[in-house]
């Protein structure tokens, strides 16, 4: 990991964006990572298939917190069908990457957001880390 990436992670973890439990959400999901004991909740307000608001709360590592905050910069005002195509490559393309050992921490928020969208759509799908971790 480069020094620039380390600084980015530190800043997002120290000053996370959208870190609160949203009261007016219409889609939410909880996910956990048994490897590092991350425990996360995502809240979305979706209107006309567009994410209007995103927030989160957690009990997790700095990398996971940073990833949640970083995701908030991109997920708002995006069509939910596009979000359902995002995976770990999304973060890498945006120059937010971690070691392969920490990739679960990177994508857990995206997995929670995608699963909140599945619940919202009522499509009975549930994404797993295997669906989001792309080499």
N, C-alpha and C. Protein backbone atom coordinates (compact mmCIF):
# COMPACT_ATOMS: atom_id res chain seq x y z
N UNK A 1 0.86 -1.17 0.00
CA UNK A 1 0.00 0.00 0.00
C UNK A 1 0.90 1.23 0.00
N UNK A 2 0.58 2.19 -0.83
CA UNK A 2 1.38 3.40 -0.92
C UNK A 2 1.10 4.33 0.26
N UNK A 3 2.00 5.26 0.47
CA UNK A 3 1.82 6.25 1.53
C UNK A 3 0.56 7.06 1.29
N UNK A 4 0.30 7.39 0.04
CA UNK A 4 -0.91 8.15 -0.31
C UNK A 4 -2.17 7.38 0.08
N UNK A 5 -2.20 6.09 -0.20
CA UNK A 5 -3.36 5.27 0.17
C UNK A 5 -3.50 5.16 1.68
N UNK A 6 -2.38 5.04 2.38
CA UNK A 6 -2.42 4.98 3.84
C UNK A 6 -3.00 6.28 4.42
N UNK A 7 -2.59 7.41 3.87
CA UNK A 7 -3.11 8.70 4.33
C UNK A 7 -4.60 8.84 4.03
N UNK A 8 -5.01 8.37 2.87
CA UNK A 8 -6.43 8.40 2.49
C UNK A 8 -7.26 7.58 3.48
N UNK A 9 -6.80 6.39 3.80
CA UNK A 9 -7.51 5.52 4.74
C UNK A 9 -7.56 6.18 6.12
N UNK A 10 -6.46 6.74 6.56
CA UNK A 10 -6.43 7.40 7.87
C UNK A 10 -7.41 8.56 7.93
N UNK A 11 -7.47 9.36 6.89
CA UNK A 11 -8.36 10.52 6.88
C UNK A 11 -9.83 10.10 6.89
N UNK A 12 -10.19 9.16 6.03
CA UNK A 12 -11.59 8.69 6.00
C UNK A 12 -11.98 8.00 7.30
N UNK A 13 -11.05 7.28 7.93
CA UNK A 13 -11.36 6.60 9.18
C UNK A 13 -11.48 7.58 10.34
N UNK A 14 -10.65 8.61 10.33
CA UNK A 14 -10.65 9.60 11.42
C UNK A 14 -11.86 10.52 11.33
N UNK A 15 -12.26 10.87 10.12
CA UNK A 15 -13.37 11.80 9.88
C UNK A 15 -14.39 11.19 8.91
N UNK A 16 -15.07 10.13 9.32
CA UNK A 16 -15.98 9.44 8.39
C UNK A 16 -17.19 10.30 8.00
N UNK A 17 -17.57 10.17 6.75
CA UNK A 17 -18.75 10.83 6.20
C UNK A 17 -19.96 9.91 6.38
N UNK A 18 -21.12 10.47 6.58
CA UNK A 18 -22.39 9.73 6.61
C UNK A 18 -22.45 8.68 7.72
N UNK A 19 -21.81 8.96 8.81
CA UNK A 19 -21.74 8.02 9.93
C UNK A 19 -22.86 8.29 10.93
N UNK A 20 -24.03 7.75 10.65
CA UNK A 20 -25.17 7.88 11.55
C UNK A 20 -26.25 6.87 11.13
N UNK A 21 -27.13 6.57 12.03
CA UNK A 21 -28.26 5.71 11.71
C UNK A 21 -29.36 6.58 11.11
N UNK A 22 -29.66 6.33 9.85
CA UNK A 22 -30.68 7.10 9.15
C UNK A 22 -32.08 6.66 9.60
N UNK A 23 -32.88 7.62 9.99
CA UNK A 23 -34.23 7.31 10.45
C UNK A 23 -35.24 7.16 9.31
N UNK A 24 -34.99 7.84 8.19
CA UNK A 24 -35.97 7.82 7.10
C UNK A 24 -35.57 6.90 5.95
N UNK A 25 -34.78 5.87 6.25
CA UNK A 25 -34.35 4.95 5.18
C UNK A 25 -35.50 4.03 4.78
N UNK A 26 -35.42 3.50 3.58
CA UNK A 26 -36.39 2.50 3.15
C UNK A 26 -35.70 1.20 2.72
N UNK A 27 -34.40 1.13 2.96
CA UNK A 27 -33.63 -0.09 2.69
C UNK A 27 -32.46 -0.13 3.68
N UNK A 28 -32.28 -1.26 4.32
CA UNK A 28 -31.19 -1.41 5.27
C UNK A 28 -30.70 -2.85 5.25
N UNK A 29 -29.45 -3.03 5.62
CA UNK A 29 -28.89 -4.39 5.72
C UNK A 29 -27.77 -4.39 6.75
N UNK A 30 -27.61 -5.52 7.38
CA UNK A 30 -26.55 -5.75 8.35
C UNK A 30 -25.63 -6.84 7.79
N UNK A 31 -24.34 -6.65 7.93
CA UNK A 31 -23.38 -7.67 7.51
C UNK A 31 -22.30 -7.80 8.57
N UNK A 32 -21.68 -8.96 8.60
CA UNK A 32 -20.58 -9.21 9.51
C UNK A 32 -19.46 -9.93 8.79
N UNK A 33 -18.26 -9.77 9.31
CA UNK A 33 -17.09 -10.44 8.77
C UNK A 33 -16.46 -11.22 9.91
N UNK A 34 -16.65 -12.52 9.93
CA UNK A 34 -16.18 -13.33 11.04
C UNK A 34 -14.66 -13.38 11.14
N UNK A 35 -13.95 -13.02 10.08
CA UNK A 35 -12.49 -13.06 10.10
C UNK A 35 -11.93 -11.96 10.99
N UNK A 36 -12.46 -10.74 10.86
CA UNK A 36 -11.92 -9.63 11.66
C UNK A 36 -12.98 -9.04 12.60
N UNK A 37 -14.15 -9.66 12.67
CA UNK A 37 -15.23 -9.28 13.57
C UNK A 37 -15.84 -7.93 13.25
N UNK A 38 -15.74 -7.48 12.00
CA UNK A 38 -16.45 -6.27 11.60
C UNK A 38 -17.96 -6.54 11.67
N UNK A 39 -18.69 -5.54 12.10
CA UNK A 39 -20.13 -5.63 12.25
C UNK A 39 -20.70 -4.31 11.73
N UNK A 40 -21.44 -4.35 10.61
CA UNK A 40 -21.82 -3.11 9.93
C UNK A 40 -23.31 -3.06 9.61
N UNK A 41 -23.84 -1.84 9.55
CA UNK A 41 -25.22 -1.58 9.13
C UNK A 41 -25.20 -0.48 8.09
N UNK A 42 -25.93 -0.69 7.02
CA UNK A 42 -26.07 0.31 5.96
C UNK A 42 -27.54 0.72 5.88
N UNK A 43 -27.75 2.01 5.66
CA UNK A 43 -29.09 2.57 5.52
C UNK A 43 -29.15 3.34 4.20
N UNK A 44 -30.17 3.06 3.40
CA UNK A 44 -30.35 3.74 2.13
C UNK A 44 -31.75 4.33 2.04
N UNK A 45 -31.83 5.49 1.43
CA UNK A 45 -33.12 6.05 1.03
C UNK A 45 -33.11 6.00 -0.49
N UNK A 46 -34.00 5.18 -1.04
CA UNK A 46 -34.07 4.97 -2.48
C UNK A 46 -35.38 5.54 -2.99
N UNK A 47 -35.30 6.36 -4.04
CA UNK A 47 -36.49 6.90 -4.71
C UNK A 47 -36.29 6.78 -6.20
N UNK A 48 -37.27 6.22 -6.90
CA UNK A 48 -37.20 6.04 -8.35
C UNK A 48 -35.91 5.32 -8.77
N UNK A 49 -35.54 4.31 -7.99
CA UNK A 49 -34.36 3.49 -8.23
C UNK A 49 -33.03 4.26 -8.14
N UNK A 50 -33.04 5.39 -7.48
CA UNK A 50 -31.83 6.21 -7.26
C UNK A 50 -31.58 6.28 -5.75
N UNK A 51 -30.33 6.09 -5.36
CA UNK A 51 -29.97 6.26 -3.95
C UNK A 51 -29.92 7.75 -3.66
N UNK A 52 -30.85 8.22 -2.84
CA UNK A 52 -30.92 9.65 -2.48
C UNK A 52 -30.08 9.94 -1.24
N UNK A 53 -30.03 8.96 -0.31
CA UNK A 53 -29.25 9.13 0.91
C UNK A 53 -28.61 7.80 1.29
N UNK A 54 -27.45 7.88 1.91
CA UNK A 54 -26.70 6.71 2.37
C UNK A 54 -26.12 7.05 3.73
N UNK A 55 -26.19 6.11 4.65
CA UNK A 55 -25.50 6.28 5.92
C UNK A 55 -25.13 4.91 6.47
N UNK A 56 -24.33 4.92 7.53
CA UNK A 56 -23.87 3.67 8.11
C UNK A 56 -23.56 3.84 9.58
N UNK A 57 -23.57 2.72 10.28
CA UNK A 57 -22.98 2.67 11.61
C UNK A 57 -22.29 1.33 11.75
N UNK A 58 -21.46 1.20 12.77
CA UNK A 58 -20.53 0.08 12.75
C UNK A 58 -19.90 -0.23 14.09
N UNK A 59 -19.22 -1.36 14.06
CA UNK A 59 -18.24 -1.76 15.05
C UNK A 59 -17.17 -2.46 14.24
N UNK A 60 -16.17 -1.71 13.77
CA UNK A 60 -15.24 -2.28 12.81
C UNK A 60 -13.88 -1.59 12.82
N UNK A 61 -13.01 -2.08 11.96
CA UNK A 61 -11.63 -1.61 11.85
C UNK A 61 -11.56 -0.26 11.12
N UNK A 62 -10.38 0.35 11.17
CA UNK A 62 -10.16 1.62 10.47
C UNK A 62 -10.34 1.48 8.96
N UNK A 63 -9.84 0.40 8.39
CA UNK A 63 -9.98 0.21 6.94
C UNK A 63 -11.45 0.08 6.56
N UNK A 64 -12.21 -0.65 7.35
CA UNK A 64 -13.62 -0.82 7.07
C UNK A 64 -14.37 0.50 7.20
N UNK A 65 -14.06 1.27 8.22
CA UNK A 65 -14.67 2.59 8.40
C UNK A 65 -14.32 3.49 7.24
N UNK A 66 -13.07 3.49 6.84
CA UNK A 66 -12.63 4.32 5.72
C UNK A 66 -13.36 3.93 4.43
N UNK A 67 -13.53 2.64 4.21
CA UNK A 67 -14.22 2.18 3.00
C UNK A 67 -15.67 2.63 2.99
N UNK A 68 -16.34 2.61 4.13
CA UNK A 68 -17.73 3.07 4.23
C UNK A 68 -17.84 4.54 3.88
N UNK A 69 -16.92 5.31 4.42
CA UNK A 69 -16.91 6.75 4.17
C UNK A 69 -16.59 7.03 2.71
N UNK A 70 -15.61 6.31 2.17
CA UNK A 70 -15.23 6.47 0.76
C UNK A 70 -16.41 6.14 -0.15
N UNK A 71 -17.13 5.07 0.15
CA UNK A 71 -18.29 4.67 -0.65
C UNK A 71 -19.34 5.78 -0.69
N UNK A 72 -19.47 6.53 0.39
CA UNK A 72 -20.47 7.60 0.44
C UNK A 72 -20.21 8.68 -0.60
N UNK A 73 -18.98 8.81 -1.05
CA UNK A 73 -18.64 9.80 -2.07
C UNK A 73 -19.19 9.44 -3.44
N UNK A 74 -19.57 8.18 -3.64
CA UNK A 74 -19.95 7.71 -4.97
C UNK A 74 -21.37 7.15 -5.08
N UNK A 75 -21.92 6.66 -3.99
CA UNK A 75 -23.17 5.90 -4.06
C UNK A 75 -24.41 6.79 -4.17
N UNK A 76 -24.34 8.01 -3.67
CA UNK A 76 -25.50 8.90 -3.69
C UNK A 76 -25.74 9.43 -5.10
N UNK A 77 -27.01 9.40 -5.52
CA UNK A 77 -27.48 9.82 -6.84
C UNK A 77 -27.14 8.82 -7.94
N UNK A 78 -26.89 7.57 -7.54
CA UNK A 78 -26.58 6.52 -8.51
C UNK A 78 -27.77 5.55 -8.59
N UNK A 79 -28.04 5.06 -9.79
CA UNK A 79 -29.10 4.09 -10.00
C UNK A 79 -28.73 2.78 -9.32
N UNK A 80 -29.69 2.19 -8.64
CA UNK A 80 -29.41 0.97 -7.90
C UNK A 80 -28.95 -0.18 -8.79
N UNK A 81 -29.39 -0.22 -10.03
CA UNK A 81 -28.96 -1.28 -10.93
C UNK A 81 -27.47 -1.17 -11.25
N UNK A 82 -26.95 0.04 -11.29
CA UNK A 82 -25.51 0.21 -11.49
C UNK A 82 -24.74 -0.26 -10.25
N UNK A 83 -25.23 0.08 -9.08
CA UNK A 83 -24.57 -0.32 -7.84
C UNK A 83 -24.48 -1.84 -7.74
N UNK A 84 -25.49 -2.52 -8.23
CA UNK A 84 -25.49 -3.99 -8.19
C UNK A 84 -24.42 -4.59 -9.09
N UNK A 85 -23.77 -3.79 -9.92
CA UNK A 85 -22.67 -4.29 -10.76
C UNK A 85 -21.31 -4.01 -10.13
N UNK A 86 -21.27 -3.20 -9.10
CA UNK A 86 -19.99 -2.85 -8.47
C UNK A 86 -19.45 -4.02 -7.65
N UNK A 87 -18.13 -4.15 -7.64
CA UNK A 87 -17.45 -5.16 -6.84
C UNK A 87 -16.14 -4.57 -6.34
N UNK A 88 -15.21 -5.39 -5.89
CA UNK A 88 -13.94 -4.86 -5.36
C UNK A 88 -13.19 -4.04 -6.39
N UNK A 89 -13.39 -4.34 -7.65
CA UNK A 89 -12.72 -3.59 -8.72
C UNK A 89 -13.13 -2.12 -8.70
N UNK A 90 -14.34 -1.83 -8.26
CA UNK A 90 -14.83 -0.46 -8.15
C UNK A 90 -13.87 0.37 -7.30
N UNK A 91 -13.49 -0.16 -6.12
CA UNK A 91 -12.58 0.57 -5.23
C UNK A 91 -11.20 0.72 -5.85
N UNK A 92 -10.71 -0.35 -6.47
CA UNK A 92 -9.38 -0.32 -7.08
C UNK A 92 -9.33 0.72 -8.19
N UNK A 93 -10.37 0.78 -9.02
CA UNK A 93 -10.43 1.77 -10.10
C UNK A 93 -10.48 3.20 -9.58
N UNK A 94 -10.99 3.38 -8.37
CA UNK A 94 -11.06 4.71 -7.75
C UNK A 94 -9.82 4.99 -6.91
N UNK A 95 -8.79 4.15 -7.05
CA UNK A 95 -7.51 4.29 -6.35
C UNK A 95 -7.63 4.15 -4.84
N UNK A 96 -8.55 3.30 -4.39
CA UNK A 96 -8.70 2.99 -2.97
C UNK A 96 -8.53 1.49 -2.86
N UNK A 97 -7.34 1.07 -2.50
CA UNK A 97 -7.05 -0.35 -2.47
C UNK A 97 -6.30 -0.70 -1.19
N UNK A 98 -6.41 -1.94 -0.81
CA UNK A 98 -5.72 -2.48 0.36
C UNK A 98 -5.11 -3.82 -0.04
N UNK A 99 -4.38 -4.43 0.87
CA UNK A 99 -3.79 -5.73 0.58
C UNK A 99 -4.90 -6.76 0.36
N UNK A 100 -4.57 -7.83 -0.31
CA UNK A 100 -5.56 -8.88 -0.57
C UNK A 100 -6.12 -9.46 0.72
N UNK A 101 -5.32 -9.46 1.78
CA UNK A 101 -5.79 -9.97 3.07
C UNK A 101 -6.90 -9.10 3.66
N UNK A 102 -6.95 -7.83 3.28
CA UNK A 102 -7.93 -6.88 3.85
C UNK A 102 -9.07 -6.54 2.90
N UNK A 103 -9.18 -7.23 1.78
CA UNK A 103 -10.22 -6.91 0.80
C UNK A 103 -11.63 -7.10 1.33
N UNK A 104 -11.84 -8.03 2.24
CA UNK A 104 -13.17 -8.19 2.83
C UNK A 104 -13.57 -6.92 3.58
N UNK A 105 -12.61 -6.33 4.28
CA UNK A 105 -12.87 -5.07 4.99
C UNK A 105 -13.22 -3.97 4.00
N UNK A 106 -12.65 -4.04 2.83
CA UNK A 106 -12.89 -3.04 1.80
C UNK A 106 -14.31 -3.12 1.24
N UNK A 107 -14.80 -4.34 1.02
CA UNK A 107 -16.07 -4.50 0.30
C UNK A 107 -17.29 -4.78 1.18
N UNK A 108 -17.11 -4.92 2.48
CA UNK A 108 -18.26 -5.29 3.32
C UNK A 108 -19.38 -4.25 3.24
N UNK A 109 -19.01 -2.96 3.12
CA UNK A 109 -20.05 -1.92 3.01
C UNK A 109 -20.79 -2.01 1.68
N UNK A 110 -20.05 -2.28 0.63
CA UNK A 110 -20.69 -2.43 -0.68
C UNK A 110 -21.60 -3.66 -0.67
N UNK A 111 -21.15 -4.73 -0.04
CA UNK A 111 -21.99 -5.92 0.06
C UNK A 111 -23.27 -5.60 0.84
N UNK A 112 -23.14 -4.86 1.94
CA UNK A 112 -24.32 -4.48 2.72
C UNK A 112 -25.25 -3.60 1.89
N UNK A 113 -24.69 -2.65 1.14
CA UNK A 113 -25.51 -1.78 0.30
C UNK A 113 -26.22 -2.59 -0.78
N UNK A 114 -25.49 -3.48 -1.43
CA UNK A 114 -26.12 -4.31 -2.46
C UNK A 114 -27.21 -5.18 -1.87
N UNK A 115 -26.99 -5.73 -0.67
CA UNK A 115 -28.02 -6.57 -0.05
C UNK A 115 -29.21 -5.74 0.42
N UNK A 116 -28.99 -4.51 0.83
CA UNK A 116 -30.11 -3.61 1.14
C UNK A 116 -30.94 -3.36 -0.13
N UNK A 117 -30.27 -3.20 -1.24
CA UNK A 117 -30.96 -3.00 -2.52
C UNK A 117 -31.76 -4.25 -2.89
N UNK A 118 -31.17 -5.43 -2.70
CA UNK A 118 -31.90 -6.68 -2.98
C UNK A 118 -33.16 -6.77 -2.11
N UNK A 119 -33.04 -6.39 -0.84
CA UNK A 119 -34.21 -6.40 0.04
C UNK A 119 -35.25 -5.41 -0.46
N UNK A 120 -34.80 -4.22 -0.84
CA UNK A 120 -35.69 -3.19 -1.38
C UNK A 120 -36.43 -3.70 -2.62
N UNK A 121 -35.69 -4.40 -3.50
CA UNK A 121 -36.28 -4.92 -4.74
C UNK A 121 -37.14 -6.17 -4.49
N UNK A 122 -36.93 -6.82 -3.36
CA UNK A 122 -37.65 -8.06 -3.08
C UNK A 122 -37.28 -9.18 -4.03
N UNK A 123 -36.04 -9.19 -4.49
CA UNK A 123 -35.62 -10.19 -5.48
C UNK A 123 -35.05 -11.47 -4.86
N UNK A 124 -35.01 -11.55 -3.55
CA UNK A 124 -34.58 -12.73 -2.81
C UNK A 124 -33.12 -13.11 -3.05
N UNK A 125 -32.33 -12.18 -3.57
CA UNK A 125 -30.90 -12.44 -3.76
C UNK A 125 -30.15 -11.97 -2.52
N UNK A 126 -29.00 -12.58 -2.28
CA UNK A 126 -28.13 -12.16 -1.19
C UNK A 126 -26.70 -12.32 -1.66
N UNK A 127 -26.00 -11.20 -1.78
CA UNK A 127 -24.61 -11.22 -2.20
C UNK A 127 -23.72 -11.65 -1.05
N UNK A 128 -22.62 -12.31 -1.40
CA UNK A 128 -21.62 -12.75 -0.43
C UNK A 128 -20.28 -12.15 -0.83
N UNK A 129 -19.29 -12.36 0.03
CA UNK A 129 -17.95 -11.87 -0.31
C UNK A 129 -17.47 -12.46 -1.64
N UNK A 130 -17.83 -13.70 -1.92
CA UNK A 130 -17.42 -14.33 -3.18
C UNK A 130 -17.96 -13.58 -4.39
N UNK A 131 -19.11 -12.93 -4.25
CA UNK A 131 -19.69 -12.17 -5.36
C UNK A 131 -18.96 -10.85 -5.59
N UNK A 132 -18.30 -10.35 -4.57
CA UNK A 132 -17.67 -9.02 -4.67
C UNK A 132 -16.16 -9.02 -4.78
N UNK A 133 -15.52 -10.09 -4.38
CA UNK A 133 -14.05 -10.14 -4.41
C UNK A 133 -13.58 -10.64 -5.76
N UNK A 134 -13.03 -9.73 -6.54
CA UNK A 134 -12.57 -10.03 -7.89
C UNK A 134 -11.06 -9.83 -7.94
N UNK A 135 -10.38 -10.77 -8.49
CA UNK A 135 -8.91 -10.64 -8.61
C UNK A 135 -8.53 -9.75 -9.76
